[in-house]
Amino acid sequence: MLSQGLFYLAWLVEHRDEFEALVAQRLGEDAGRTVDWSNPRIVCVATEFTRYDTVAAGMSHHRVDLLVYRQYAQDLVTLELVASVAGGCGTRAARVGSSNRPESTVRKGVRQSLDSASPELQRLFSELEERLLDLGEGTCVELQHYVAFRRRRNFACVRVTREALVVVLAVDPSTVRLAPGFTRDLRGVGHLGTGDLEVRIASAAELDRAEPLFAASFAAAA
C-alpha cells in the first residue's frame, strides 16, 4: 500500500498543473492558486500495518501517516494513528541526527531535544528505541513532547532531557520496588505521556536494568 501511495504522490507532483486546474474547477480559482506543494502528505488506511511498514515509511523522506481502521458495526468505524512520519522520521537512522524535517512540523519539541542532546545520550536513545521495537510488533509515533511506542495502546513514552531519557511505562508502580533516581510512582502526579511508572535512564547499565519493566509494559499494552 505504501509503495502505491508513493507512486500516486510522484504522479501528482509531476502533474501539478492538472491538479491545480481540477481544484480550481471544483473549489474555485482562489483555491486552485493556493495549493501548497511544500510538503505533501501520504495517508494510508488499512486493517493493519507491520513493523516493516513503519520502517519503510520512515525511509521514504515524505510525510506519511499510517492509520488502522476497525469496523465495530455497520455504522461505526474507528481510525487509530499507528505511525506518523514528518518528512523523514520514524526509523532509527532518521530519528538521531537528522535535520531533514520541516521547520513547521508540530513534532518539533522532541526533535530539538534529541538533536541538541549529547552524542552519548543520542546513542542511548537509539539503543532504547531498538530494544523497545524488538519486543514485538509495536510501532512508534513521534509526538510533540515525546516518542510513543504502542501496541493497542502506549506501552512506553520517551522524553529526552539534558541528563537522561525519561520513560513512562504502563506498569503498576505498586508491583515494583521503587529506586530513587531510577523509578518513580506517577499516580496522582501530572506528567507527559501515558502510564504510571517513570524510569530515568542515563547509562547503558540503567537501560539493561529497565528491560524487565519494558517487557512488563509491553505485555500490559496487548
N, C-alpha and C. Protein backbone atom coordinates (compact mmCIF):
# COMPACT_ATOMS: atom_id res chain seq x y z
N MET A 1 0.82 -1.21 0.00
CA MET A 1 0.00 0.00 0.00
C MET A 1 0.86 1.26 0.00
N LEU A 2 1.93 1.27 0.80
CA LEU A 2 2.77 2.46 0.88
C LEU A 2 3.44 2.73 -0.46
N SER A 3 3.92 1.69 -1.13
CA SER A 3 4.56 1.89 -2.44
C SER A 3 3.57 2.46 -3.44
N GLN A 4 2.33 2.02 -3.36
CA GLN A 4 1.30 2.56 -4.24
C GLN A 4 1.05 4.04 -3.93
N GLY A 5 1.04 4.38 -2.65
CA GLY A 5 0.87 5.77 -2.27
C GLY A 5 2.01 6.65 -2.76
N LEU A 6 3.24 6.13 -2.68
CA LEU A 6 4.39 6.88 -3.18
C LEU A 6 4.31 7.09 -4.68
N PHE A 7 3.80 6.07 -5.39
CA PHE A 7 3.62 6.21 -6.84
C PHE A 7 2.61 7.31 -7.14
N TYR A 8 1.50 7.32 -6.42
CA TYR A 8 0.48 8.35 -6.64
C TYR A 8 1.04 9.74 -6.34
N LEU A 9 1.85 9.83 -5.27
CA LEU A 9 2.43 11.12 -4.91
C LEU A 9 3.37 11.61 -6.01
N ALA A 10 4.21 10.70 -6.53
CA ALA A 10 5.13 11.08 -7.60
C ALA A 10 4.36 11.57 -8.83
N TRP A 11 3.28 10.87 -9.15
CA TRP A 11 2.46 11.28 -10.30
C TRP A 11 1.85 12.66 -10.05
N LEU A 12 1.36 12.85 -8.83
CA LEU A 12 0.70 14.11 -8.50
C LEU A 12 1.67 15.29 -8.61
N VAL A 13 2.88 15.10 -8.07
CA VAL A 13 3.87 16.18 -8.11
C VAL A 13 4.27 16.51 -9.54
N GLU A 14 4.29 15.49 -10.40
CA GLU A 14 4.66 15.71 -11.80
C GLU A 14 3.52 16.32 -12.61
N HIS A 15 2.33 16.32 -12.08
CA HIS A 15 1.16 16.84 -12.80
C HIS A 15 0.47 17.94 -11.98
N ARG A 16 1.26 18.85 -11.48
CA ARG A 16 0.72 19.91 -10.63
C ARG A 16 -0.30 20.77 -11.37
N ASP A 17 0.00 21.10 -12.60
CA ASP A 17 -0.90 21.98 -13.35
C ASP A 17 -2.28 21.36 -13.49
N GLU A 18 -2.31 20.06 -13.82
CA GLU A 18 -3.60 19.38 -13.98
C GLU A 18 -4.36 19.34 -12.66
N PHE A 19 -3.63 19.09 -11.56
CA PHE A 19 -4.29 19.03 -10.25
C PHE A 19 -4.82 20.39 -9.84
N GLU A 20 -4.02 21.43 -10.03
CA GLU A 20 -4.47 22.78 -9.67
C GLU A 20 -5.67 23.21 -10.51
N ALA A 21 -5.68 22.79 -11.78
CA ALA A 21 -6.83 23.11 -12.63
C ALA A 21 -8.08 22.40 -12.12
N LEU A 22 -7.91 21.15 -11.67
CA LEU A 22 -9.05 20.40 -11.13
C LEU A 22 -9.56 21.05 -9.84
N VAL A 23 -8.64 21.47 -8.97
CA VAL A 23 -9.03 22.15 -7.73
C VAL A 23 -9.79 23.43 -8.05
N ALA A 24 -9.28 24.19 -9.02
CA ALA A 24 -9.95 25.44 -9.40
C ALA A 24 -11.35 25.17 -9.94
N GLN A 25 -11.48 24.08 -10.70
CA GLN A 25 -12.78 23.73 -11.27
C GLN A 25 -13.77 23.34 -10.19
N ARG A 26 -13.30 22.58 -9.21
CA ARG A 26 -14.21 22.07 -8.17
C ARG A 26 -14.41 23.07 -7.03
N LEU A 27 -13.35 23.79 -6.65
CA LEU A 27 -13.41 24.61 -5.44
C LEU A 27 -13.26 26.10 -5.69
N GLY A 28 -12.95 26.48 -6.93
CA GLY A 28 -12.81 27.90 -7.23
C GLY A 28 -11.38 28.29 -7.55
N GLU A 29 -11.24 29.41 -8.26
CA GLU A 29 -9.93 29.86 -8.71
C GLU A 29 -8.98 30.16 -7.55
N ASP A 30 -9.50 30.75 -6.49
CA ASP A 30 -8.63 31.08 -5.35
C ASP A 30 -8.01 29.83 -4.75
N ALA A 31 -8.80 28.77 -4.60
CA ALA A 31 -8.28 27.51 -4.06
C ALA A 31 -7.23 26.92 -4.99
N GLY A 32 -7.47 27.00 -6.28
CA GLY A 32 -6.51 26.46 -7.24
C GLY A 32 -5.17 27.17 -7.19
N ARG A 33 -5.18 28.46 -6.88
CA ARG A 33 -3.93 29.23 -6.84
C ARG A 33 -3.18 29.06 -5.53
N THR A 34 -3.82 28.51 -4.51
CA THR A 34 -3.20 28.44 -3.18
C THR A 34 -2.86 27.02 -2.75
N VAL A 35 -2.79 26.08 -3.68
CA VAL A 35 -2.37 24.72 -3.34
C VAL A 35 -0.93 24.76 -2.83
N ASP A 36 -0.69 24.18 -1.67
CA ASP A 36 0.64 24.20 -1.05
C ASP A 36 1.37 22.90 -1.37
N TRP A 37 2.41 22.99 -2.18
CA TRP A 37 3.18 21.81 -2.59
C TRP A 37 4.44 21.62 -1.76
N SER A 38 4.62 22.40 -0.71
CA SER A 38 5.90 22.39 0.00
C SER A 38 6.18 21.08 0.72
N ASN A 39 5.14 20.41 1.20
CA ASN A 39 5.37 19.17 1.96
C ASN A 39 4.14 18.28 1.89
N PRO A 40 3.85 17.68 0.73
CA PRO A 40 2.65 16.84 0.61
C PRO A 40 2.70 15.63 1.53
N ARG A 41 1.53 15.13 1.88
CA ARG A 41 1.42 14.04 2.85
C ARG A 41 0.73 12.84 2.24
N ILE A 42 1.21 11.66 2.58
CA ILE A 42 0.58 10.40 2.19
C ILE A 42 -0.16 9.85 3.40
N VAL A 43 -1.43 9.54 3.25
CA VAL A 43 -2.22 8.93 4.33
C VAL A 43 -2.65 7.54 3.86
N CYS A 44 -2.19 6.51 4.56
CA CYS A 44 -2.54 5.13 4.23
C CYS A 44 -3.46 4.59 5.31
N VAL A 45 -4.57 4.00 4.90
CA VAL A 45 -5.56 3.44 5.83
C VAL A 45 -5.72 1.96 5.51
N ALA A 46 -5.55 1.10 6.52
CA ALA A 46 -5.65 -0.34 6.31
C ALA A 46 -6.10 -1.00 7.60
N THR A 47 -6.37 -2.30 7.53
CA THR A 47 -6.78 -3.03 8.73
C THR A 47 -5.61 -3.27 9.68
N GLU A 48 -4.38 -3.30 9.14
CA GLU A 48 -3.21 -3.46 9.99
C GLU A 48 -1.94 -3.07 9.22
N PHE A 49 -0.91 -2.72 9.97
CA PHE A 49 0.41 -2.45 9.40
C PHE A 49 1.44 -3.21 10.24
N THR A 50 2.51 -3.64 9.61
CA THR A 50 3.58 -4.33 10.31
C THR A 50 4.68 -3.35 10.67
N ARG A 51 5.60 -3.83 11.47
CA ARG A 51 6.76 -3.01 11.81
C ARG A 51 7.55 -2.64 10.55
N TYR A 52 7.55 -3.52 9.56
CA TYR A 52 8.28 -3.24 8.32
C TYR A 52 7.64 -2.08 7.57
N ASP A 53 6.33 -1.95 7.67
CA ASP A 53 5.65 -0.82 7.04
C ASP A 53 6.10 0.50 7.67
N THR A 54 6.23 0.53 8.99
CA THR A 54 6.62 1.77 9.66
C THR A 54 8.07 2.13 9.34
N VAL A 55 8.93 1.11 9.23
CA VAL A 55 10.32 1.38 8.85
C VAL A 55 10.38 1.94 7.43
N ALA A 56 9.62 1.32 6.52
CA ALA A 56 9.59 1.80 5.13
C ALA A 56 9.06 3.23 5.06
N ALA A 57 8.07 3.54 5.88
CA ALA A 57 7.52 4.90 5.89
C ALA A 57 8.59 5.91 6.30
N GLY A 58 9.38 5.55 7.31
CA GLY A 58 10.41 6.45 7.78
C GLY A 58 11.52 6.68 6.76
N MET A 59 11.75 5.72 5.90
CA MET A 59 12.81 5.83 4.90
C MET A 59 12.36 6.53 3.63
N SER A 60 11.07 6.86 3.55
CA SER A 60 10.56 7.44 2.31
C SER A 60 10.89 8.93 2.16
N HIS A 61 11.25 9.59 3.28
CA HIS A 61 11.55 11.03 3.28
C HIS A 61 10.35 11.88 2.87
N HIS A 62 9.16 11.35 3.05
CA HIS A 62 7.92 12.11 2.81
C HIS A 62 7.08 12.07 4.07
N ARG A 63 6.14 12.99 4.16
CA ARG A 63 5.18 12.95 5.27
C ARG A 63 4.26 11.76 5.05
N VAL A 64 4.18 10.89 6.03
CA VAL A 64 3.36 9.69 5.91
C VAL A 64 2.62 9.46 7.22
N ASP A 65 1.31 9.23 7.15
CA ASP A 65 0.52 8.80 8.29
C ASP A 65 -0.05 7.43 7.98
N LEU A 66 0.12 6.49 8.91
CA LEU A 66 -0.47 5.16 8.78
C LEU A 66 -1.59 5.04 9.79
N LEU A 67 -2.80 4.76 9.31
CA LEU A 67 -3.97 4.64 10.19
C LEU A 67 -4.60 3.27 10.03
N VAL A 68 -4.92 2.67 11.16
CA VAL A 68 -5.63 1.39 11.17
C VAL A 68 -7.11 1.66 11.41
N TYR A 69 -7.96 1.02 10.62
CA TYR A 69 -9.40 1.18 10.84
C TYR A 69 -9.99 -0.13 11.35
N ARG A 70 -11.00 0.01 12.20
CA ARG A 70 -11.74 -1.15 12.70
C ARG A 70 -13.23 -0.84 12.62
N GLN A 71 -13.97 -1.78 12.08
CA GLN A 71 -15.41 -1.62 11.97
C GLN A 71 -16.09 -2.45 13.05
N TYR A 72 -16.83 -1.78 13.93
CA TYR A 72 -17.48 -2.45 15.05
C TYR A 72 -18.95 -2.71 14.78
N ALA A 73 -19.52 -1.99 13.87
CA ALA A 73 -20.91 -2.19 13.47
C ALA A 73 -21.07 -1.59 12.09
N GLN A 74 -22.24 -1.74 11.52
CA GLN A 74 -22.43 -1.23 10.17
C GLN A 74 -22.26 0.29 10.10
N ASP A 75 -22.50 0.96 11.20
CA ASP A 75 -22.42 2.42 11.19
C ASP A 75 -21.36 2.96 12.15
N LEU A 76 -20.38 2.11 12.56
CA LEU A 76 -19.35 2.55 13.48
C LEU A 76 -17.98 2.08 13.01
N VAL A 77 -17.12 3.04 12.68
CA VAL A 77 -15.75 2.75 12.25
C VAL A 77 -14.81 3.64 13.05
N THR A 78 -13.73 3.06 13.56
CA THR A 78 -12.73 3.85 14.28
C THR A 78 -11.44 3.90 13.47
N LEU A 79 -10.73 5.01 13.61
CA LEU A 79 -9.42 5.18 12.99
C LEU A 79 -8.39 5.40 14.09
N GLU A 80 -7.28 4.67 14.02
CA GLU A 80 -6.22 4.79 15.02
C GLU A 80 -4.90 5.08 14.32
N LEU A 81 -4.26 6.18 14.71
CA LEU A 81 -2.96 6.52 14.15
C LEU A 81 -1.89 5.63 14.77
N VAL A 82 -1.21 4.83 13.95
CA VAL A 82 -0.18 3.93 14.47
C VAL A 82 1.23 4.39 14.13
N ALA A 83 1.37 5.28 13.17
CA ALA A 83 2.69 5.83 12.85
C ALA A 83 2.51 7.15 12.12
N SER A 84 3.37 8.09 12.43
CA SER A 84 3.32 9.39 11.78
C SER A 84 4.74 9.85 11.50
N VAL A 85 5.04 10.08 10.25
CA VAL A 85 6.38 10.46 9.83
C VAL A 85 6.30 11.84 9.20
N ALA A 86 7.12 12.77 9.68
CA ALA A 86 7.09 14.13 9.15
C ALA A 86 8.35 14.39 8.34
N GLY A 87 8.33 14.01 7.11
CA GLY A 87 9.43 14.31 6.20
C GLY A 87 10.73 13.65 6.53
N GLY A 88 10.71 12.41 6.99
CA GLY A 88 11.96 11.69 7.17
C GLY A 88 12.24 11.22 8.58
N CYS A 89 11.21 11.05 9.45
CA CYS A 89 11.42 10.48 10.76
C CYS A 89 10.79 9.10 10.79
N GLY A 90 10.96 8.41 11.91
CA GLY A 90 10.26 7.15 12.08
C GLY A 90 11.14 5.94 12.06
N THR A 91 12.42 6.06 11.66
CA THR A 91 13.32 4.93 11.73
C THR A 91 14.46 5.28 12.66
N ARG A 92 15.22 4.27 13.06
CA ARG A 92 16.32 4.52 13.98
C ARG A 92 17.33 5.48 13.38
N ALA A 93 17.63 5.31 12.09
CA ALA A 93 18.61 6.18 11.45
C ALA A 93 18.07 7.60 11.31
N ALA A 94 16.78 7.72 11.01
CA ALA A 94 16.23 9.04 10.75
C ALA A 94 15.99 9.82 12.03
N ARG A 95 15.78 9.13 13.15
CA ARG A 95 15.45 9.84 14.38
C ARG A 95 16.66 10.58 14.95
N VAL A 96 17.85 10.01 14.83
CA VAL A 96 19.00 10.58 15.50
C VAL A 96 19.86 11.34 14.51
N GLY A 97 20.09 12.63 14.78
CA GLY A 97 20.99 13.42 13.99
C GLY A 97 20.47 13.85 12.65
N SER A 98 19.18 13.79 12.40
CA SER A 98 18.63 14.20 11.11
C SER A 98 18.16 15.64 11.18
N SER A 99 18.41 16.38 10.12
CA SER A 99 17.93 17.76 10.04
C SER A 99 17.03 17.95 8.85
N ASN A 100 16.45 16.86 8.31
CA ASN A 100 15.64 16.95 7.10
C ASN A 100 14.18 17.22 7.37
N ARG A 101 13.80 17.38 8.64
CA ARG A 101 12.40 17.55 8.96
C ARG A 101 11.98 18.99 8.73
N PRO A 102 10.74 19.23 8.28
CA PRO A 102 10.28 20.60 8.05
C PRO A 102 10.28 21.41 9.34
N GLU A 103 10.66 22.67 9.27
CA GLU A 103 10.70 23.51 10.46
C GLU A 103 9.32 23.75 11.03
N SER A 104 8.27 23.62 10.21
CA SER A 104 6.93 23.96 10.66
C SER A 104 6.23 22.81 11.36
N THR A 105 6.85 21.62 11.42
CA THR A 105 6.17 20.46 11.98
C THR A 105 5.87 20.65 13.47
N VAL A 106 4.74 20.11 13.91
CA VAL A 106 4.37 20.23 15.32
C VAL A 106 5.20 19.28 16.17
N ARG A 107 5.94 18.37 15.57
CA ARG A 107 6.75 17.42 16.30
C ARG A 107 8.14 17.98 16.59
N LYS A 108 8.23 19.28 16.64
CA LYS A 108 9.49 19.98 16.73
C LYS A 108 10.14 19.84 18.10
N GLY A 109 9.36 19.79 19.17
CA GLY A 109 9.90 19.80 20.52
C GLY A 109 10.82 18.65 20.82
N VAL A 110 10.34 17.41 20.65
CA VAL A 110 11.16 16.25 20.97
C VAL A 110 12.33 16.14 20.00
N ARG A 111 12.14 16.55 18.76
CA ARG A 111 13.23 16.51 17.79
C ARG A 111 14.35 17.47 18.19
N GLN A 112 14.01 18.67 18.61
CA GLN A 112 15.03 19.62 19.05
C GLN A 112 15.76 19.09 20.28
N SER A 113 15.02 18.49 21.20
CA SER A 113 15.65 17.95 22.40
C SER A 113 16.65 16.86 22.05
N LEU A 114 16.28 16.00 21.11
CA LEU A 114 17.17 14.91 20.72
C LEU A 114 18.37 15.42 19.93
N ASP A 115 18.12 16.34 19.01
CA ASP A 115 19.23 16.86 18.20
C ASP A 115 20.24 17.64 19.03
N SER A 116 19.79 18.26 20.13
CA SER A 116 20.70 19.04 20.97
C SER A 116 21.29 18.22 22.12
N ALA A 117 20.90 16.95 22.23
CA ALA A 117 21.42 16.10 23.29
C ALA A 117 22.87 15.71 22.99
N SER A 118 23.56 15.24 24.01
CA SER A 118 24.95 14.80 23.83
C SER A 118 24.99 13.58 22.93
N PRO A 119 26.12 13.33 22.25
CA PRO A 119 26.23 12.13 21.42
C PRO A 119 25.97 10.85 22.21
N GLU A 120 26.40 10.83 23.47
CA GLU A 120 26.17 9.64 24.31
C GLU A 120 24.68 9.41 24.52
N LEU A 121 23.94 10.50 24.78
CA LEU A 121 22.50 10.35 25.01
C LEU A 121 21.78 9.99 23.71
N GLN A 122 22.24 10.49 22.59
CA GLN A 122 21.65 10.12 21.31
C GLN A 122 21.85 8.63 21.03
N ARG A 123 23.05 8.14 21.32
CA ARG A 123 23.30 6.70 21.14
C ARG A 123 22.44 5.88 22.09
N LEU A 124 22.26 6.37 23.30
CA LEU A 124 21.43 5.67 24.27
C LEU A 124 19.98 5.63 23.81
N PHE A 125 19.51 6.74 23.23
CA PHE A 125 18.15 6.76 22.69
C PHE A 125 18.00 5.74 21.56
N SER A 126 18.98 5.68 20.68
CA SER A 126 18.92 4.74 19.57
C SER A 126 18.86 3.30 20.08
N GLU A 127 19.64 3.00 21.12
CA GLU A 127 19.62 1.65 21.69
C GLU A 127 18.29 1.38 22.39
N LEU A 128 17.76 2.37 23.10
CA LEU A 128 16.46 2.21 23.75
C LEU A 128 15.38 1.94 22.71
N GLU A 129 15.38 2.72 21.64
CA GLU A 129 14.39 2.54 20.58
C GLU A 129 14.46 1.13 20.00
N GLU A 130 15.67 0.66 19.76
CA GLU A 130 15.84 -0.68 19.20
C GLU A 130 15.28 -1.74 20.14
N ARG A 131 15.56 -1.61 21.40
CA ARG A 131 15.08 -2.62 22.36
C ARG A 131 13.56 -2.59 22.48
N LEU A 132 12.97 -1.41 22.48
CA LEU A 132 11.51 -1.32 22.59
C LEU A 132 10.83 -1.91 21.36
N LEU A 133 11.37 -1.64 20.19
CA LEU A 133 10.78 -2.19 18.96
C LEU A 133 11.02 -3.68 18.83
N ASP A 134 12.12 -4.17 19.39
CA ASP A 134 12.42 -5.60 19.32
C ASP A 134 11.55 -6.43 20.25
N LEU A 135 10.75 -5.78 21.09
CA LEU A 135 9.86 -6.54 21.98
C LEU A 135 8.78 -7.27 21.19
N GLY A 136 8.44 -6.79 20.00
CA GLY A 136 7.40 -7.43 19.20
C GLY A 136 6.84 -6.47 18.17
N GLU A 137 5.63 -6.75 17.73
CA GLU A 137 5.01 -5.95 16.67
C GLU A 137 4.44 -4.65 17.21
N GLY A 138 5.32 -3.81 17.68
CA GLY A 138 4.91 -2.49 18.12
C GLY A 138 5.25 -1.44 17.07
N THR A 139 4.70 -0.26 17.23
CA THR A 139 5.01 0.86 16.34
C THR A 139 5.37 2.07 17.20
N CYS A 140 5.93 3.09 16.56
CA CYS A 140 6.26 4.29 17.31
C CYS A 140 5.73 5.51 16.57
N VAL A 141 5.31 6.49 17.35
CA VAL A 141 4.78 7.74 16.82
C VAL A 141 5.52 8.88 17.50
N GLU A 142 6.12 9.75 16.74
CA GLU A 142 6.85 10.89 17.30
C GLU A 142 5.88 12.05 17.48
N LEU A 143 5.58 12.38 18.72
CA LEU A 143 4.66 13.46 19.05
C LEU A 143 5.45 14.71 19.42
N GLN A 144 4.75 15.73 19.88
CA GLN A 144 5.44 17.00 20.12
C GLN A 144 6.46 16.90 21.25
N HIS A 145 6.07 16.29 22.36
CA HIS A 145 6.93 16.29 23.53
C HIS A 145 7.58 14.94 23.84
N TYR A 146 7.15 13.89 23.20
CA TYR A 146 7.73 12.57 23.47
C TYR A 146 7.49 11.64 22.29
N VAL A 147 8.22 10.54 22.30
CA VAL A 147 8.03 9.48 21.31
C VAL A 147 7.22 8.38 21.97
N ALA A 148 6.09 8.03 21.37
CA ALA A 148 5.20 7.00 21.93
C ALA A 148 5.43 5.68 21.22
N PHE A 149 5.68 4.63 21.98
CA PHE A 149 5.77 3.27 21.46
C PHE A 149 4.49 2.56 21.87
N ARG A 150 3.82 1.91 20.91
CA ARG A 150 2.48 1.43 21.19
C ARG A 150 2.20 0.08 20.53
N ARG A 151 1.27 -0.62 21.17
CA ARG A 151 0.62 -1.78 20.57
C ARG A 151 -0.83 -1.34 20.34
N ARG A 152 -1.77 -1.89 21.09
CA ARG A 152 -3.13 -1.34 21.03
C ARG A 152 -3.20 -0.01 21.75
N ARG A 153 -2.30 0.19 22.70
CA ARG A 153 -2.17 1.47 23.39
C ARG A 153 -0.69 1.68 23.71
N ASN A 154 -0.37 2.82 24.22
CA ASN A 154 1.04 3.12 24.50
C ASN A 154 1.59 2.18 25.57
N PHE A 155 2.81 1.69 25.34
CA PHE A 155 3.48 0.94 26.40
C PHE A 155 4.75 1.65 26.86
N ALA A 156 5.19 2.65 26.11
CA ALA A 156 6.34 3.46 26.54
C ALA A 156 6.26 4.83 25.89
N CYS A 157 6.46 5.87 26.70
CA CYS A 157 6.52 7.24 26.19
C CYS A 157 7.87 7.81 26.62
N VAL A 158 8.67 8.21 25.66
CA VAL A 158 10.06 8.59 25.93
C VAL A 158 10.26 10.08 25.70
N ARG A 159 10.73 10.77 26.74
CA ARG A 159 11.13 12.17 26.63
C ARG A 159 12.65 12.25 26.73
N VAL A 160 13.21 13.28 26.11
CA VAL A 160 14.65 13.50 26.14
C VAL A 160 14.93 14.75 26.95
N THR A 161 15.67 14.60 28.05
CA THR A 161 16.11 15.75 28.83
C THR A 161 17.62 15.91 28.65
N ARG A 162 18.19 16.91 29.26
CA ARG A 162 19.63 17.14 29.09
C ARG A 162 20.46 16.06 29.77
N GLU A 163 19.91 15.45 30.83
CA GLU A 163 20.69 14.49 31.60
C GLU A 163 20.33 13.04 31.34
N ALA A 164 19.08 12.79 30.89
CA ALA A 164 18.64 11.40 30.82
C ALA A 164 17.46 11.24 29.87
N LEU A 165 17.14 10.00 29.58
CA LEU A 165 15.91 9.65 28.88
C LEU A 165 14.87 9.32 29.94
N VAL A 166 13.71 9.94 29.85
CA VAL A 166 12.64 9.71 30.81
C VAL A 166 11.57 8.88 30.12
N VAL A 167 11.34 7.68 30.64
CA VAL A 167 10.41 6.74 30.02
C VAL A 167 9.23 6.52 30.95
N VAL A 168 8.03 6.72 30.43
CA VAL A 168 6.81 6.45 31.19
C VAL A 168 6.23 5.14 30.69
N LEU A 169 5.99 4.21 31.61
CA LEU A 169 5.56 2.86 31.26
C LEU A 169 4.17 2.54 31.81
N ALA A 170 3.50 1.61 31.15
CA ALA A 170 2.18 1.15 31.58
C ALA A 170 2.35 0.01 32.60
N VAL A 171 2.99 0.33 33.70
CA VAL A 171 3.27 -0.64 34.76
C VAL A 171 2.72 -0.10 36.06
N ASP A 172 2.07 -0.96 36.84
CA ASP A 172 1.55 -0.56 38.15
C ASP A 172 2.72 -0.35 39.11
N PRO A 173 2.94 0.87 39.60
CA PRO A 173 4.09 1.12 40.49
C PRO A 173 4.07 0.28 41.76
N SER A 174 2.88 -0.14 42.19
CA SER A 174 2.81 -0.94 43.42
C SER A 174 3.41 -2.33 43.24
N THR A 175 3.66 -2.73 42.00
CA THR A 175 4.26 -4.05 41.74
C THR A 175 5.78 -3.96 41.59
N VAL A 176 6.32 -2.76 41.78
CA VAL A 176 7.75 -2.53 41.55
C VAL A 176 8.39 -2.00 42.83
N ARG A 177 9.59 -2.47 43.13
CA ARG A 177 10.35 -1.89 44.24
C ARG A 177 11.01 -0.62 43.70
N LEU A 178 10.48 0.53 44.11
CA LEU A 178 10.94 1.80 43.56
C LEU A 178 12.34 2.14 44.06
N ALA A 179 13.14 2.68 43.15
CA ALA A 179 14.51 3.08 43.47
C ALA A 179 14.66 4.57 43.19
N PRO A 180 14.92 5.39 44.20
CA PRO A 180 15.05 6.83 44.00
C PRO A 180 16.08 7.15 42.91
N GLY A 181 15.70 8.05 42.02
CA GLY A 181 16.59 8.42 40.93
C GLY A 181 16.49 7.52 39.72
N PHE A 182 15.80 6.39 39.87
CA PHE A 182 15.65 5.45 38.75
C PHE A 182 14.18 5.24 38.39
N THR A 183 13.36 4.91 39.37
CA THR A 183 11.93 4.70 39.12
C THR A 183 11.12 5.59 40.05
N ARG A 184 9.93 5.99 39.56
CA ARG A 184 9.08 6.91 40.34
C ARG A 184 7.62 6.61 40.08
N ASP A 185 6.81 6.66 41.12
CA ASP A 185 5.37 6.49 41.04
C ASP A 185 4.74 7.80 40.56
N LEU A 186 4.04 7.74 39.42
CA LEU A 186 3.44 8.94 38.84
C LEU A 186 1.95 9.06 39.13
N ARG A 187 1.40 8.13 39.89
CA ARG A 187 -0.03 8.20 40.18
C ARG A 187 -0.32 9.48 40.97
N GLY A 188 -1.28 10.24 40.47
CA GLY A 188 -1.64 11.49 41.13
C GLY A 188 -0.70 12.64 40.80
N VAL A 189 0.23 12.40 39.89
CA VAL A 189 1.20 13.44 39.50
C VAL A 189 0.97 13.80 38.04
N GLY A 190 0.81 15.07 37.75
CA GLY A 190 0.67 15.49 36.36
C GLY A 190 1.96 15.23 35.60
N HIS A 191 1.86 14.64 34.41
CA HIS A 191 3.07 14.31 33.65
C HIS A 191 2.73 14.13 32.18
N LEU A 192 3.74 14.20 31.35
CA LEU A 192 3.59 13.93 29.92
C LEU A 192 3.66 12.43 29.68
N GLY A 193 2.87 11.96 28.71
CA GLY A 193 2.87 10.54 28.40
C GLY A 193 1.81 9.80 29.17
N THR A 194 1.55 8.56 28.74
CA THR A 194 0.53 7.73 29.38
C THR A 194 1.19 6.59 30.12
N GLY A 195 0.78 6.40 31.35
CA GLY A 195 1.37 5.37 32.20
C GLY A 195 1.58 5.90 33.60
N ASP A 196 1.88 5.00 34.54
CA ASP A 196 2.00 5.38 35.95
C ASP A 196 3.40 5.21 36.52
N LEU A 197 4.32 4.64 35.73
CA LEU A 197 5.67 4.41 36.25
C LEU A 197 6.69 5.16 35.40
N GLU A 198 7.51 5.96 36.05
CA GLU A 198 8.58 6.68 35.35
C GLU A 198 9.90 5.97 35.59
N VAL A 199 10.68 5.84 34.53
CA VAL A 199 12.03 5.27 34.61
C VAL A 199 12.99 6.27 33.98
N ARG A 200 14.05 6.63 34.72
CA ARG A 200 15.06 7.55 34.20
C ARG A 200 16.30 6.76 33.80
N ILE A 201 16.73 6.94 32.56
CA ILE A 201 17.83 6.15 32.02
C ILE A 201 18.92 7.10 31.53
N ALA A 202 20.10 6.99 32.16
CA ALA A 202 21.22 7.86 31.80
C ALA A 202 22.47 7.07 31.43
N SER A 203 22.37 5.74 31.41
CA SER A 203 23.54 4.92 31.10
C SER A 203 23.09 3.59 30.53
N ALA A 204 24.03 2.89 29.90
CA ALA A 204 23.73 1.57 29.35
C ALA A 204 23.35 0.59 30.46
N ALA A 205 23.96 0.74 31.63
CA ALA A 205 23.64 -0.15 32.75
C ALA A 205 22.19 0.05 33.19
N GLU A 206 21.73 1.29 33.25
CA GLU A 206 20.34 1.55 33.62
C GLU A 206 19.39 1.06 32.54
N LEU A 207 19.80 1.12 31.29
CA LEU A 207 18.98 0.58 30.20
C LEU A 207 18.80 -0.92 30.38
N ASP A 208 19.88 -1.62 30.70
CA ASP A 208 19.78 -3.07 30.95
C ASP A 208 18.88 -3.34 32.16
N ARG A 209 19.02 -2.53 33.18
CA ARG A 209 18.24 -2.70 34.41
C ARG A 209 16.75 -2.53 34.15
N ALA A 210 16.39 -1.69 33.18
CA ALA A 210 14.98 -1.39 32.91
C ALA A 210 14.31 -2.40 31.99
N GLU A 211 15.06 -3.30 31.39
CA GLU A 211 14.48 -4.21 30.40
C GLU A 211 13.29 -5.02 30.91
N PRO A 212 13.34 -5.59 32.12
CA PRO A 212 12.15 -6.31 32.61
C PRO A 212 10.91 -5.42 32.71
N LEU A 213 11.11 -4.16 33.03
CA LEU A 213 9.98 -3.23 33.10
C LEU A 213 9.42 -2.95 31.71
N PHE A 214 10.29 -2.84 30.71
CA PHE A 214 9.83 -2.67 29.33
C PHE A 214 8.96 -3.85 28.92
N ALA A 215 9.44 -5.06 29.22
CA ALA A 215 8.70 -6.26 28.83
C ALA A 215 7.34 -6.32 29.52
N ALA A 216 7.30 -5.95 30.79
CA ALA A 216 6.03 -5.97 31.52
C ALA A 216 5.05 -4.96 30.94
N SER A 217 5.54 -3.79 30.58
CA SER A 217 4.67 -2.77 30.00
C SER A 217 4.18 -3.19 28.62
N PHE A 218 5.05 -3.80 27.83
CA PHE A 218 4.67 -4.28 26.50
C PHE A 218 3.55 -5.31 26.62
N ALA A 219 3.68 -6.22 27.58
CA ALA A 219 2.65 -7.25 27.77
C ALA A 219 1.33 -6.63 28.23
N ALA A 220 1.41 -5.60 29.06
CA ALA A 220 0.19 -4.96 29.57
C ALA A 220 -0.56 -4.19 28.50
N ALA A 221 0.13 -3.81 27.43
CA ALA A 221 -0.49 -3.00 26.38
C ALA A 221 -1.09 -3.83 25.25
N ALA A 222 -1.14 -5.14 25.43
CA ALA A 222 -1.67 -6.02 24.37
C ALA A 222 -3.16 -5.79 24.19
